[in-house]
Amino acid sequence: MTNEIAWIDNTYLWSDAHRMELEVFEHLGQIELFEHADSALEAVTKTVYDLIVIDPRLAPGFNYPKPRPYDYGLIGLDLVKRIRAEGQNTKTPVVVIYKGSRDRDKGHICDNVYETDFRNAGANEVISIADCMPDRFCDKIKPYLQKK
């Protein structure tokens, strides 16, 4: 049986380099990409996934409440809270990925949002992909896919 993974990250959809990078992770399962928070929320409310991967710096989309300027990290945080509160994936593992360095940024992910905010909202794991090569990233998320 193939793992169903919701990958919510607007940078993967518009960058050829990121699309190629994403191919590294396809062996983990069937990956469904979402560019905006509103389309992702609609899908995770209706469809059961084995894993949800979220980049916190999301574009809201047309039907998602807009944050204050430069607070786009709040969209990812709000999305984690909503996933935990409603729909088909309240118990599905949620992994937050961010592009900064954990050592350099001291838990600061983006804007006014910190790693502890995502953990308190219900994220199972918060991973800095700047500090983590693709094979280590896969090693970190595999245990969540094996718990089905």
C-alpha atoms as a PDB file:
ATOM      1  CA  MET A   1       0.000   0.000   0.000  1.00  0.00           C
ATOM      2  CA  THR A   2       1.351   3.435  -0.981  1.00  0.00           C
ATOM      3  CA  ASN A   3       1.613   6.246   1.531  1.00  0.00           C
ATOM      4  CA  GLU A   4      -0.504   9.291   0.727  1.00  0.00           C
ATOM      5  CA  ILE A   5       1.380  12.503   1.500  1.00  0.00           C
ATOM      6  CA  ALA A   6       0.006  16.051   1.363  1.00  0.00           C
ATOM      7  CA  TRP A   7       2.917  18.407   0.599  1.00  0.00           C
ATOM      8  CA  ILE A   8       1.894  22.025   1.195  1.00  0.00           C
ATOM      9  CA  ASP A   9       4.524  24.393  -0.143  1.00  0.00           C
ATOM     10  CA  ASN A  10       4.067  27.063  -2.766  1.00  0.00           C
ATOM     11  CA  THR A  11       7.790  27.195  -3.652  1.00  0.00           C
ATOM     12  CA  TYR A  12       7.771  23.637  -5.026  1.00  0.00           C
ATOM     13  CA  LEU A  13       5.165  24.470  -7.618  1.00  0.00           C
ATOM     14  CA  TRP A  14       6.828  27.396  -9.333  1.00  0.00           C
ATOM     15  CA  SER A  15      10.471  26.364  -9.255  1.00  0.00           C
ATOM     16  CA  ASP A  16      11.919  23.725 -11.588  1.00  0.00           C
ATOM     17  CA  ALA A  17      14.821  23.246  -9.186  1.00  0.00           C
ATOM     18  CA  HIS A  18      12.423  22.463  -6.352  1.00  0.00           C
ATOM     19  CA  ARG A  19      10.411  20.102  -8.551  1.00  0.00           C
ATOM     20  CA  MET A  20      13.588  18.137  -9.228  1.00  0.00           C
ATOM     21  CA  GLU A  21      14.374  18.178  -5.503  1.00  0.00           C
ATOM     22  CA  LEU A  22      10.911  16.831  -4.723  1.00  0.00           C
ATOM     23  CA  GLU A  23      11.591  13.786  -6.910  1.00  0.00           C
ATOM     24  CA  VAL A  24      14.045  12.682  -4.206  1.00  0.00           C
ATOM     25  CA  PHE A  25      11.089  12.215  -1.848  1.00  0.00           C
ATOM     26  CA  GLU A  26       8.707  10.412  -4.211  1.00  0.00           C
ATOM     27  CA  HIS A  27       9.882   6.989  -3.022  1.00  0.00           C
ATOM     28  CA  LEU A  28       8.137   7.764   0.292  1.00  0.00           C
ATOM     29  CA  GLY A  29       4.710   7.607  -1.326  1.00  0.00           C
ATOM     30  CA  GLN A  30       2.186   9.357  -3.520  1.00  0.00           C
ATOM     31  CA  ILE A  31       2.739  13.101  -3.048  1.00  0.00           C
ATOM     32  CA  GLU A  32      -0.087  15.532  -3.641  1.00  0.00           C
ATOM     33  CA  LEU A  33       1.143  19.121  -3.913  1.00  0.00           C
ATOM     34  CA  PHE A  34      -0.768  22.160  -2.689  1.00  0.00           C
ATOM     35  CA  GLU A  35       0.269  25.718  -3.413  1.00  0.00           C
ATOM     36  CA  HIS A  36      -2.141  27.650  -1.198  1.00  0.00           C
ATOM     37  CA  ALA A  37      -3.463  27.224   2.312  1.00  0.00           C
ATOM     38  CA  ASP A  38      -7.105  27.325   1.227  1.00  0.00           C
ATOM     39  CA  SER A  39      -6.830  24.439  -1.272  1.00  0.00           C
ATOM     40  CA  ALA A  40      -4.744  22.447   1.210  1.00  0.00           C
ATOM     41  CA  LEU A  41      -7.268  22.939   4.005  1.00  0.00           C
ATOM     42  CA  GLU A  42     -10.112  21.869   1.741  1.00  0.00           C
ATOM     43  CA  ALA A  43      -8.244  18.683   0.787  1.00  0.00           C
ATOM     44  CA  VAL A  44      -7.098  17.704   4.279  1.00  0.00           C
ATOM     45  CA  THR A  45     -10.606  18.237   5.572  1.00  0.00           C
ATOM     46  CA  LYS A  46     -11.976  15.644   3.128  1.00  0.00           C
ATOM     47  CA  THR A  47      -9.107  13.248   2.334  1.00  0.00           C
ATOM     48  CA  VAL A  48      -7.166  11.047   4.747  1.00  0.00           C
ATOM     49  CA  TYR A  49      -3.384  11.332   4.383  1.00  0.00           C
ATOM     50  CA  ASP A  50      -0.610   9.321   6.009  1.00  0.00           C
ATOM     51  CA  LEU A  51       1.611  12.391   6.397  1.00  0.00           C
ATOM     52  CA  ILE A  52       1.261  16.150   5.945  1.00  0.00           C
ATOM     53  CA  VAL A  53       4.362  18.234   5.163  1.00  0.00           C
ATOM     54  CA  ILE A  54       3.992  22.011   5.490  1.00  0.00           C
ATOM     55  CA  ASP A  55       6.291  24.896   4.636  1.00  0.00           C
ATOM     56  CA  PRO A  56       5.135  27.614   7.057  1.00  0.00           C
ATOM     57  CA  ARG A  57       5.569  30.454   4.559  1.00  0.00           C
ATOM     58  CA  LEU A  58       2.414  29.774   2.579  1.00  0.00           C
ATOM     59  CA  ALA A  59       0.393  31.942   0.286  1.00  0.00           C
ATOM     60  CA  PRO A  60      -3.150  32.118   1.668  1.00  0.00           C
ATOM     61  CA  GLY A  61      -5.114  31.668  -1.559  1.00  0.00           C
ATOM     62  CA  PHE A  62      -8.392  33.417  -2.282  1.00  0.00           C
ATOM     63  CA  ASN A  63     -10.588  31.934   0.453  1.00  0.00           C
ATOM     64  CA  TYR A  64      -8.176  31.961   3.386  1.00  0.00           C
ATOM     65  CA  PRO A  65      -7.973  34.870   5.854  1.00  0.00           C
ATOM     66  CA  LYS A  66      -5.130  37.209   4.917  1.00  0.00           C
ATOM     67  CA  PRO A  67      -2.496  37.870   7.582  1.00  0.00           C
ATOM     68  CA  ARG A  68      -0.988  41.204   8.381  1.00  0.00           C
ATOM     69  CA  PRO A  69       1.744  42.140   5.859  1.00  0.00           C
ATOM     70  CA  TYR A  70       4.955  40.110   6.223  1.00  0.00           C
ATOM     71  CA  ASP A  71       3.367  37.643   8.631  1.00  0.00           C
ATOM     72  CA  TYR A  72       2.947  34.795   6.150  1.00  0.00           C
ATOM     73  CA  GLY A  73       4.436  32.378   8.673  1.00  0.00           C
ATOM     74  CA  LEU A  74       1.181  32.771  10.576  1.00  0.00           C
ATOM     75  CA  ILE A  75      -0.686  31.085   7.715  1.00  0.00           C
ATOM     76  CA  GLY A  76       1.300  27.870   8.168  1.00  0.00           C
ATOM     77  CA  LEU A  77       0.794  28.025  11.927  1.00  0.00           C
ATOM     78  CA  ASP A  78      -2.941  28.583  11.539  1.00  0.00           C
ATOM     79  CA  LEU A  79      -3.141  25.725   9.053  1.00  0.00           C
ATOM     80  CA  VAL A  80      -1.546  23.305  11.537  1.00  0.00           C
ATOM     81  CA  LYS A  81      -4.073  24.390  14.176  1.00  0.00           C
ATOM     82  CA  ARG A  82      -6.984  23.878  11.771  1.00  0.00           C
ATOM     83  CA  ILE A  83      -5.742  20.453  10.692  1.00  0.00           C
ATOM     84  CA  ARG A  84      -5.590  19.406  14.345  1.00  0.00           C
ATOM     85  CA  ALA A  85      -9.081  20.785  15.055  1.00  0.00           C
ATOM     86  CA  GLU A  86     -11.196  19.556  12.141  1.00  0.00           C
ATOM     87  CA  GLY A  87     -11.494  17.114   9.287  1.00  0.00           C
ATOM     88  CA  GLN A  88     -10.003  13.751   8.431  1.00  0.00           C
ATOM     89  CA  ASN A  89      -6.435  14.333   9.638  1.00  0.00           C
ATOM     90  CA  THR A  90      -6.632  15.409  13.259  1.00  0.00           C
ATOM     91  CA  LYS A  91      -4.263  12.528  14.191  1.00  0.00           C
ATOM     92  CA  THR A  92      -2.169  12.465  11.000  1.00  0.00           C
ATOM     93  CA  PRO A  93       1.513  13.292  11.559  1.00  0.00           C
ATOM     94  CA  VAL A  94       2.344  16.876  10.549  1.00  0.00           C
ATOM     95  CA  VAL A  95       5.931  17.789   9.676  1.00  0.00           C
ATOM     96  CA  VAL A  96       6.856  21.454   9.296  1.00  0.00           C
ATOM     97  CA  ILE A  97       9.829  22.174   7.047  1.00  0.00           C
ATOM     98  CA  TYR A  98      11.551  25.515   6.839  1.00  0.00           C
ATOM     99  CA  LYS A  99      14.457  26.827   4.869  1.00  0.00           C
ATOM    100  CA  GLY A 100      16.398  28.538   7.666  1.00  0.00           C
ATOM    101  CA  SER A 101      19.135  27.061   9.795  1.00  0.00           C
ATOM    102  CA  ARG A 102      18.181  25.850  13.280  1.00  0.00           C
ATOM    103  CA  ASP A 103      21.612  26.709  14.662  1.00  0.00           C
ATOM    104  CA  ARG A 104      21.735  30.171  13.129  1.00  0.00           C
ATOM    105  CA  ASP A 105      18.097  31.130  13.702  1.00  0.00           C
ATOM    106  CA  LYS A 106      17.694  29.688  17.244  1.00  0.00           C
ATOM    107  CA  GLY A 107      14.225  28.270  16.609  1.00  0.00           C
ATOM    108  CA  HIS A 108      12.970  31.348  14.744  1.00  0.00           C
ATOM    109  CA  ILE A 109      11.253  30.003  11.642  1.00  0.00           C
ATOM    110  CA  CYS A 110       9.871  33.074   9.928  1.00  0.00           C
ATOM    111  CA  ASP A 111       8.304  36.421  10.664  1.00  0.00           C
ATOM    112  CA  ASN A 112       7.035  36.265  14.276  1.00  0.00           C
ATOM    113  CA  VAL A 113       6.785  32.474  14.399  1.00  0.00           C
ATOM    114  CA  TYR A 114       9.052  30.052  16.271  1.00  0.00           C
ATOM    115  CA  GLU A 115       9.539  26.280  16.306  1.00  0.00           C
ATOM    116  CA  THR A 116       7.803  26.025  19.691  1.00  0.00           C
ATOM    117  CA  ASP A 117       4.699  27.708  18.219  1.00  0.00           C
ATOM    118  CA  PHE A 118       4.357  24.895  15.678  1.00  0.00           C
ATOM    119  CA  ARG A 119       4.968  22.180  18.270  1.00  0.00           C
ATOM    120  CA  ASN A 120       2.354  23.755  20.554  1.00  0.00           C
ATOM    121  CA  ALA A 121      -0.086  23.860  17.630  1.00  0.00           C
ATOM    122  CA  GLY A 122       0.312  20.109  17.115  1.00  0.00           C
ATOM    123  CA  ALA A 123       3.181  19.606  14.646  1.00  0.00           C
ATOM    124  CA  ASN A 124       4.928  16.296  15.267  1.00  0.00           C
ATOM    125  CA  GLU A 125       8.249  17.437  13.856  1.00  0.00           C
ATOM    126  CA  VAL A 126       9.876  20.718  12.810  1.00  0.00           C
ATOM    127  CA  ILE A 127      12.792  20.269  10.422  1.00  0.00           C
ATOM    128  CA  SER A 128      15.251  22.779   9.015  1.00  0.00           C
ATOM    129  CA  ILE A 129      16.022  21.578   5.514  1.00  0.00           C
ATOM    130  CA  ALA A 130      19.029  23.925   5.439  1.00  0.00           C
ATOM    131  CA  ASP A 131      20.555  21.679   8.119  1.00  0.00           C
ATOM    132  CA  CYS A 132      19.333  18.407   6.646  1.00  0.00           C
ATOM    133  CA  MET A 133      20.269  16.648   3.402  1.00  0.00           C
ATOM    134  CA  PRO A 134      17.410  14.841   1.598  1.00  0.00           C
ATOM    135  CA  ASP A 135      18.422  11.393   2.875  1.00  0.00           C
ATOM    136  CA  ARG A 136      18.458  12.631   6.499  1.00  0.00           C
ATOM    137  CA  PHE A 137      15.107  14.332   5.935  1.00  0.00           C
ATOM    138  CA  CYS A 138      13.687  11.031   4.680  1.00  0.00           C
ATOM    139  CA  ASP A 139      15.130   9.233   7.707  1.00  0.00           C
ATOM    140  CA  LYS A 140      13.414  11.740  10.009  1.00  0.00           C
ATOM    141  CA  ILE A 141       9.966  11.336   8.477  1.00  0.00           C
ATOM    142  CA  LYS A 142       9.987   7.571   7.735  1.00  0.00           C
ATOM    143  CA  PRO A 143       8.987   6.651  11.322  1.00  0.00           C
ATOM    144  CA  TYR A 144       5.780   8.670  10.916  1.00  0.00           C
ATOM    145  CA  LEU A 145       4.913   6.734   7.765  1.00  0.00           C
ATOM    146  CA  GLN A 146       5.563   3.376   9.445  1.00  0.00           C
ATOM    147  CA  LYS A 147       3.080   3.996  12.278  1.00  0.00           C
ATOM    148  CA  LYS A 148       0.010   3.328  10.129  1.00  0.00           C
END
